[in-house]
Amino acid sequence: MSTTPWRPSRPVAYLLGLLSVWPIVYFFFFLCFIGYVFAASPKQGFDAFRYIFVAHIATIILMFALMATYLVHLFRTDQLPSDRRILWAVVLLFFGIFAFPVYWWLYVRPT
């Protein structure tokens, strides 16, 4: 394994930032959708589900990809002291969608 520090280019870093916010936005969108499903008739609610299914699966895959990307960045960056890496790994694993934007802002965001 290479020990070269990984610093994403400026466009990649901003893309990661944008993608890091999407799961939180989608979470609130999904809560509104669930409220609509419960308020609508069973047939309308079930019919509406097929439209959100693709976005739901894509968001789940994105969350796994972000998790992998941030964990690789975490252990390949030189911006973090070694004693904080395990702490951040635990935070990213347990608080995923809420920790992604914080980690991006602190360690990935271009300066």
N, C-alpha and C. Protein backbone atom coordinates (compact mmCIF):
# COMPACT_ATOMS: atom_id res chain seq x y z
N MET A 1 0.83 -1.18 0.00
CA MET A 1 0.00 0.00 0.00
C MET A 1 0.88 1.24 0.00
N SER A 2 0.51 2.19 -0.81
CA SER A 2 1.26 3.43 -0.93
C SER A 2 1.00 4.33 0.28
N THR A 3 2.03 5.02 0.71
CA THR A 3 1.88 5.94 1.84
C THR A 3 1.83 7.39 1.37
N THR A 4 1.66 7.60 0.08
CA THR A 4 1.56 8.95 -0.45
C THR A 4 0.26 9.58 0.02
N PRO A 5 0.33 10.80 0.58
CA PRO A 5 -0.91 11.45 1.04
C PRO A 5 -1.86 11.69 -0.14
N TRP A 6 -3.14 11.54 0.13
CA TRP A 6 -4.14 11.74 -0.92
C TRP A 6 -4.84 13.06 -0.69
N ARG A 7 -4.66 13.95 -1.65
CA ARG A 7 -5.36 15.23 -1.64
C ARG A 7 -6.15 15.34 -2.93
N PRO A 8 -7.48 15.29 -2.83
CA PRO A 8 -8.27 15.39 -4.07
C PRO A 8 -8.11 16.74 -4.73
N SER A 9 -8.22 16.75 -6.04
CA SER A 9 -8.15 18.02 -6.77
C SER A 9 -9.34 18.90 -6.36
N ARG A 10 -9.24 20.15 -6.70
CA ARG A 10 -10.27 21.12 -6.29
C ARG A 10 -11.68 20.72 -6.79
N PRO A 11 -11.85 20.36 -8.08
CA PRO A 11 -13.20 19.97 -8.52
C PRO A 11 -13.70 18.70 -7.84
N VAL A 12 -12.81 17.74 -7.63
CA VAL A 12 -13.20 16.50 -6.95
C VAL A 12 -13.59 16.79 -5.51
N ALA A 13 -12.86 17.67 -4.86
CA ALA A 13 -13.17 18.01 -3.47
C ALA A 13 -14.55 18.68 -3.37
N TYR A 14 -14.84 19.59 -4.30
CA TYR A 14 -16.16 20.24 -4.27
C TYR A 14 -17.28 19.25 -4.62
N LEU A 15 -17.01 18.33 -5.53
CA LEU A 15 -18.00 17.31 -5.85
C LEU A 15 -18.27 16.42 -4.63
N LEU A 16 -17.21 16.06 -3.91
CA LEU A 16 -17.39 15.29 -2.67
C LEU A 16 -18.23 16.06 -1.66
N GLY A 17 -18.00 17.36 -1.57
CA GLY A 17 -18.79 18.18 -0.65
C GLY A 17 -20.26 18.20 -1.02
N LEU A 18 -20.53 18.35 -2.30
CA LEU A 18 -21.91 18.34 -2.78
C LEU A 18 -22.57 16.99 -2.53
N LEU A 19 -21.86 15.92 -2.83
CA LEU A 19 -22.40 14.59 -2.62
C LEU A 19 -22.56 14.26 -1.13
N SER A 20 -21.76 14.88 -0.29
CA SER A 20 -21.84 14.63 1.16
C SER A 20 -23.10 15.23 1.76
N VAL A 21 -23.62 16.28 1.16
CA VAL A 21 -24.83 16.93 1.67
C VAL A 21 -26.09 16.22 1.18
N TRP A 22 -26.03 15.55 0.03
CA TRP A 22 -27.21 14.94 -0.55
C TRP A 22 -27.91 13.96 0.39
N PRO A 23 -27.22 13.03 1.10
CA PRO A 23 -27.97 12.11 1.96
C PRO A 23 -28.81 12.81 3.03
N ILE A 24 -28.35 13.92 3.55
CA ILE A 24 -29.13 14.66 4.55
C ILE A 24 -30.36 15.29 3.90
N VAL A 25 -30.17 15.88 2.73
CA VAL A 25 -31.30 16.47 2.00
C VAL A 25 -32.31 15.37 1.66
N TYR A 26 -31.81 14.24 1.20
CA TYR A 26 -32.70 13.14 0.83
C TYR A 26 -33.44 12.58 2.06
N PHE A 27 -32.78 12.56 3.20
CA PHE A 27 -33.40 12.07 4.44
C PHE A 27 -34.68 12.86 4.73
N PHE A 28 -34.61 14.19 4.65
CA PHE A 28 -35.79 15.01 4.92
C PHE A 28 -36.83 14.88 3.80
N PHE A 29 -36.36 14.76 2.58
CA PHE A 29 -37.28 14.52 1.47
C PHE A 29 -38.02 13.20 1.67
N PHE A 30 -37.30 12.18 2.11
CA PHE A 30 -37.91 10.87 2.32
C PHE A 30 -38.93 10.91 3.47
N LEU A 31 -38.63 11.66 4.53
CA LEU A 31 -39.60 11.81 5.61
C LEU A 31 -40.89 12.46 5.11
N CYS A 32 -40.75 13.47 4.27
CA CYS A 32 -41.95 14.10 3.69
C CYS A 32 -42.70 13.11 2.81
N PHE A 33 -41.98 12.29 2.07
CA PHE A 33 -42.59 11.29 1.22
C PHE A 33 -43.37 10.27 2.05
N ILE A 34 -42.79 9.83 3.16
CA ILE A 34 -43.47 8.86 4.03
C ILE A 34 -44.74 9.49 4.60
N GLY A 35 -44.68 10.76 4.95
CA GLY A 35 -45.89 11.45 5.41
C GLY A 35 -46.96 11.48 4.34
N TYR A 36 -46.56 11.69 3.10
CA TYR A 36 -47.52 11.67 1.99
C TYR A 36 -48.12 10.28 1.81
N VAL A 37 -47.29 9.25 1.92
CA VAL A 37 -47.78 7.87 1.74
C VAL A 37 -48.82 7.54 2.80
N PHE A 38 -48.58 7.95 4.04
CA PHE A 38 -49.55 7.66 5.09
C PHE A 38 -50.83 8.49 4.93
N ALA A 39 -50.73 9.67 4.36
CA ALA A 39 -51.90 10.52 4.18
C ALA A 39 -52.71 10.12 2.96
N ALA A 40 -52.07 9.54 1.97
CA ALA A 40 -52.76 9.17 0.72
C ALA A 40 -53.45 7.83 0.88
N SER A 41 -54.23 7.51 -0.10
CA SER A 41 -54.88 6.19 -0.10
C SER A 41 -53.81 5.12 -0.35
N PRO A 42 -54.07 3.88 0.05
CA PRO A 42 -53.06 2.82 -0.12
C PRO A 42 -52.60 2.66 -1.57
N LYS A 43 -53.51 2.75 -2.52
CA LYS A 43 -53.11 2.59 -3.93
C LYS A 43 -52.21 3.73 -4.37
N GLN A 44 -52.57 4.97 -4.02
CA GLN A 44 -51.74 6.12 -4.40
C GLN A 44 -50.36 6.05 -3.74
N GLY A 45 -50.33 5.66 -2.47
CA GLY A 45 -49.06 5.55 -1.76
C GLY A 45 -48.15 4.50 -2.38
N PHE A 46 -48.73 3.36 -2.74
CA PHE A 46 -47.93 2.30 -3.36
C PHE A 46 -47.46 2.72 -4.74
N ASP A 47 -48.31 3.40 -5.50
CA ASP A 47 -47.92 3.87 -6.83
C ASP A 47 -46.80 4.90 -6.75
N ALA A 48 -46.83 5.75 -5.74
CA ALA A 48 -45.79 6.77 -5.58
C ALA A 48 -44.45 6.15 -5.17
N PHE A 49 -44.50 5.00 -4.55
CA PHE A 49 -43.26 4.37 -4.07
C PHE A 49 -42.32 4.04 -5.22
N ARG A 50 -42.85 3.65 -6.36
CA ARG A 50 -41.97 3.26 -7.47
C ARG A 50 -41.13 4.44 -7.95
N TYR A 51 -41.60 5.67 -7.75
CA TYR A 51 -40.84 6.83 -8.20
C TYR A 51 -39.67 7.14 -7.28
N ILE A 52 -39.82 6.84 -6.03
CA ILE A 52 -38.75 7.15 -5.08
C ILE A 52 -37.77 5.98 -4.93
N PHE A 53 -38.15 4.82 -5.39
CA PHE A 53 -37.32 3.62 -5.20
C PHE A 53 -35.93 3.79 -5.81
N VAL A 54 -35.84 4.31 -7.02
CA VAL A 54 -34.54 4.49 -7.68
C VAL A 54 -33.69 5.50 -6.93
N ALA A 55 -34.28 6.60 -6.51
CA ALA A 55 -33.53 7.60 -5.74
C ALA A 55 -33.06 7.02 -4.41
N HIS A 56 -33.87 6.17 -3.81
CA HIS A 56 -33.51 5.57 -2.53
C HIS A 56 -32.31 4.62 -2.69
N ILE A 57 -32.35 3.77 -3.68
CA ILE A 57 -31.24 2.84 -3.93
C ILE A 57 -29.98 3.62 -4.31
N ALA A 58 -30.11 4.64 -5.15
CA ALA A 58 -28.95 5.44 -5.54
C ALA A 58 -28.34 6.15 -4.33
N THR A 59 -29.16 6.63 -3.43
CA THR A 59 -28.64 7.30 -2.23
C THR A 59 -27.93 6.31 -1.32
N ILE A 60 -28.45 5.11 -1.20
CA ILE A 60 -27.79 4.09 -0.37
C ILE A 60 -26.42 3.74 -0.96
N ILE A 61 -26.36 3.56 -2.27
CA ILE A 61 -25.08 3.25 -2.92
C ILE A 61 -24.12 4.42 -2.76
N LEU A 62 -24.62 5.65 -2.89
CA LEU A 62 -23.79 6.84 -2.68
C LEU A 62 -23.24 6.87 -1.26
N MET A 63 -24.05 6.52 -0.27
CA MET A 63 -23.58 6.54 1.12
C MET A 63 -22.46 5.53 1.33
N PHE A 64 -22.57 4.35 0.73
CA PHE A 64 -21.48 3.37 0.84
C PHE A 64 -20.22 3.88 0.14
N ALA A 65 -20.39 4.50 -1.02
CA ALA A 65 -19.23 5.04 -1.75
C ALA A 65 -18.57 6.17 -0.98
N LEU A 66 -19.37 7.05 -0.38
CA LEU A 66 -18.80 8.13 0.43
C LEU A 66 -18.07 7.59 1.65
N MET A 67 -18.66 6.57 2.27
CA MET A 67 -18.01 5.96 3.43
C MET A 67 -16.64 5.42 3.04
N ALA A 68 -16.58 4.68 1.94
CA ALA A 68 -15.30 4.13 1.49
C ALA A 68 -14.31 5.23 1.13
N THR A 69 -14.79 6.26 0.43
CA THR A 69 -13.91 7.36 0.02
C THR A 69 -13.34 8.09 1.23
N TYR A 70 -14.20 8.39 2.20
CA TYR A 70 -13.71 9.12 3.38
C TYR A 70 -12.81 8.26 4.25
N LEU A 71 -13.06 6.97 4.34
CA LEU A 71 -12.16 6.11 5.12
C LEU A 71 -10.80 5.99 4.45
N VAL A 72 -10.78 5.89 3.12
CA VAL A 72 -9.49 5.87 2.42
C VAL A 72 -8.78 7.20 2.62
N HIS A 73 -9.51 8.30 2.48
CA HIS A 73 -8.90 9.62 2.69
C HIS A 73 -8.38 9.75 4.12
N LEU A 74 -9.16 9.26 5.05
CA LEU A 74 -8.79 9.35 6.46
C LEU A 74 -7.43 8.73 6.75
N PHE A 75 -7.18 7.57 6.19
CA PHE A 75 -5.93 6.87 6.47
C PHE A 75 -4.81 7.21 5.50
N ARG A 76 -5.10 8.02 4.47
CA ARG A 76 -4.05 8.41 3.54
C ARG A 76 -3.72 9.90 3.60
N THR A 77 -4.39 10.65 4.44
CA THR A 77 -4.11 12.08 4.51
C THR A 77 -3.02 12.36 5.54
N ASP A 78 -2.35 13.48 5.34
CA ASP A 78 -1.34 13.89 6.32
C ASP A 78 -1.85 15.06 7.17
N GLN A 79 -3.11 15.42 7.03
CA GLN A 79 -3.68 16.53 7.79
C GLN A 79 -4.15 16.12 9.18
N LEU A 80 -4.34 14.85 9.41
CA LEU A 80 -4.85 14.36 10.69
C LEU A 80 -3.74 13.73 11.51
N PRO A 81 -3.67 14.04 12.80
CA PRO A 81 -2.73 13.32 13.65
C PRO A 81 -3.17 11.86 13.76
N SER A 82 -2.23 10.97 13.93
CA SER A 82 -2.53 9.54 13.94
C SER A 82 -3.47 9.14 15.07
N ASP A 83 -3.45 9.85 16.19
CA ASP A 83 -4.34 9.49 17.30
C ASP A 83 -5.80 9.84 17.02
N ARG A 84 -6.07 10.73 16.07
CA ARG A 84 -7.44 11.11 15.74
C ARG A 84 -8.05 10.25 14.63
N ARG A 85 -7.23 9.48 13.94
CA ARG A 85 -7.74 8.70 12.81
C ARG A 85 -8.76 7.66 13.25
N ILE A 86 -8.47 6.95 14.31
CA ILE A 86 -9.41 5.93 14.79
C ILE A 86 -10.70 6.58 15.28
N LEU A 87 -10.57 7.70 15.97
CA LEU A 87 -11.76 8.42 16.43
C LEU A 87 -12.64 8.82 15.24
N TRP A 88 -12.02 9.38 14.20
CA TRP A 88 -12.80 9.78 13.03
C TRP A 88 -13.37 8.58 12.29
N ALA A 89 -12.65 7.46 12.28
CA ALA A 89 -13.19 6.25 11.64
C ALA A 89 -14.46 5.81 12.35
N VAL A 90 -14.46 5.83 13.67
CA VAL A 90 -15.65 5.45 14.44
C VAL A 90 -16.78 6.45 14.19
N VAL A 91 -16.46 7.74 14.19
CA VAL A 91 -17.49 8.76 13.95
C VAL A 91 -18.09 8.59 12.55
N LEU A 92 -17.26 8.36 11.54
CA LEU A 92 -17.77 8.18 10.18
C LEU A 92 -18.63 6.92 10.07
N LEU A 93 -18.23 5.85 10.76
CA LEU A 93 -18.99 4.61 10.68
C LEU A 93 -20.33 4.69 11.41
N PHE A 94 -20.37 5.35 12.55
CA PHE A 94 -21.59 5.38 13.35
C PHE A 94 -22.53 6.54 12.99
N PHE A 95 -21.99 7.65 12.57
CA PHE A 95 -22.81 8.83 12.31
C PHE A 95 -22.77 9.25 10.85
N GLY A 96 -22.45 8.32 9.96
CA GLY A 96 -22.30 8.49 8.53
C GLY A 96 -22.81 9.76 7.90
N ILE A 97 -24.10 9.85 7.62
CA ILE A 97 -24.60 10.96 6.82
C ILE A 97 -24.44 12.31 7.51
N PHE A 98 -24.39 12.32 8.83
CA PHE A 98 -24.20 13.59 9.54
C PHE A 98 -22.72 13.93 9.72
N ALA A 99 -21.87 12.92 9.67
CA ALA A 99 -20.43 13.14 9.82
C ALA A 99 -19.76 13.49 8.49
N PHE A 100 -20.33 13.05 7.37
CA PHE A 100 -19.70 13.31 6.06
C PHE A 100 -19.46 14.79 5.81
N PRO A 101 -20.47 15.66 5.96
CA PRO A 101 -20.21 17.09 5.69
C PRO A 101 -19.21 17.71 6.67
N VAL A 102 -19.23 17.26 7.92
CA VAL A 102 -18.28 17.80 8.91
C VAL A 102 -16.86 17.41 8.54
N TYR A 103 -16.65 16.13 8.22
CA TYR A 103 -15.32 15.67 7.83
C TYR A 103 -14.86 16.39 6.56
N TRP A 104 -15.77 16.55 5.60
CA TRP A 104 -15.41 17.25 4.37
C TRP A 104 -14.97 18.68 4.69
N TRP A 105 -15.73 19.37 5.52
CA TRP A 105 -15.43 20.77 5.84
C TRP A 105 -14.08 20.89 6.57
N LEU A 106 -13.79 19.95 7.45
CA LEU A 106 -12.56 20.05 8.24
C LEU A 106 -11.31 19.58 7.50
N TYR A 107 -11.43 18.55 6.65
CA TYR A 107 -10.23 17.92 6.13
C TYR A 107 -10.14 17.80 4.61
N VAL A 108 -11.24 17.87 3.90
CA VAL A 108 -11.19 17.68 2.45
C VAL A 108 -11.34 18.99 1.69
N ARG A 109 -12.09 19.90 2.25
CA ARG A 109 -12.38 21.19 1.59
C ARG A 109 -11.09 21.88 1.15
N PRO A 110 -11.05 22.34 -0.10
CA PRO A 110 -9.87 23.06 -0.56
C PRO A 110 -9.71 24.37 0.20
N THR A 111 -8.48 24.70 0.51
CA THR A 111 -8.21 25.95 1.25
C THR A 111 -7.74 27.04 0.34
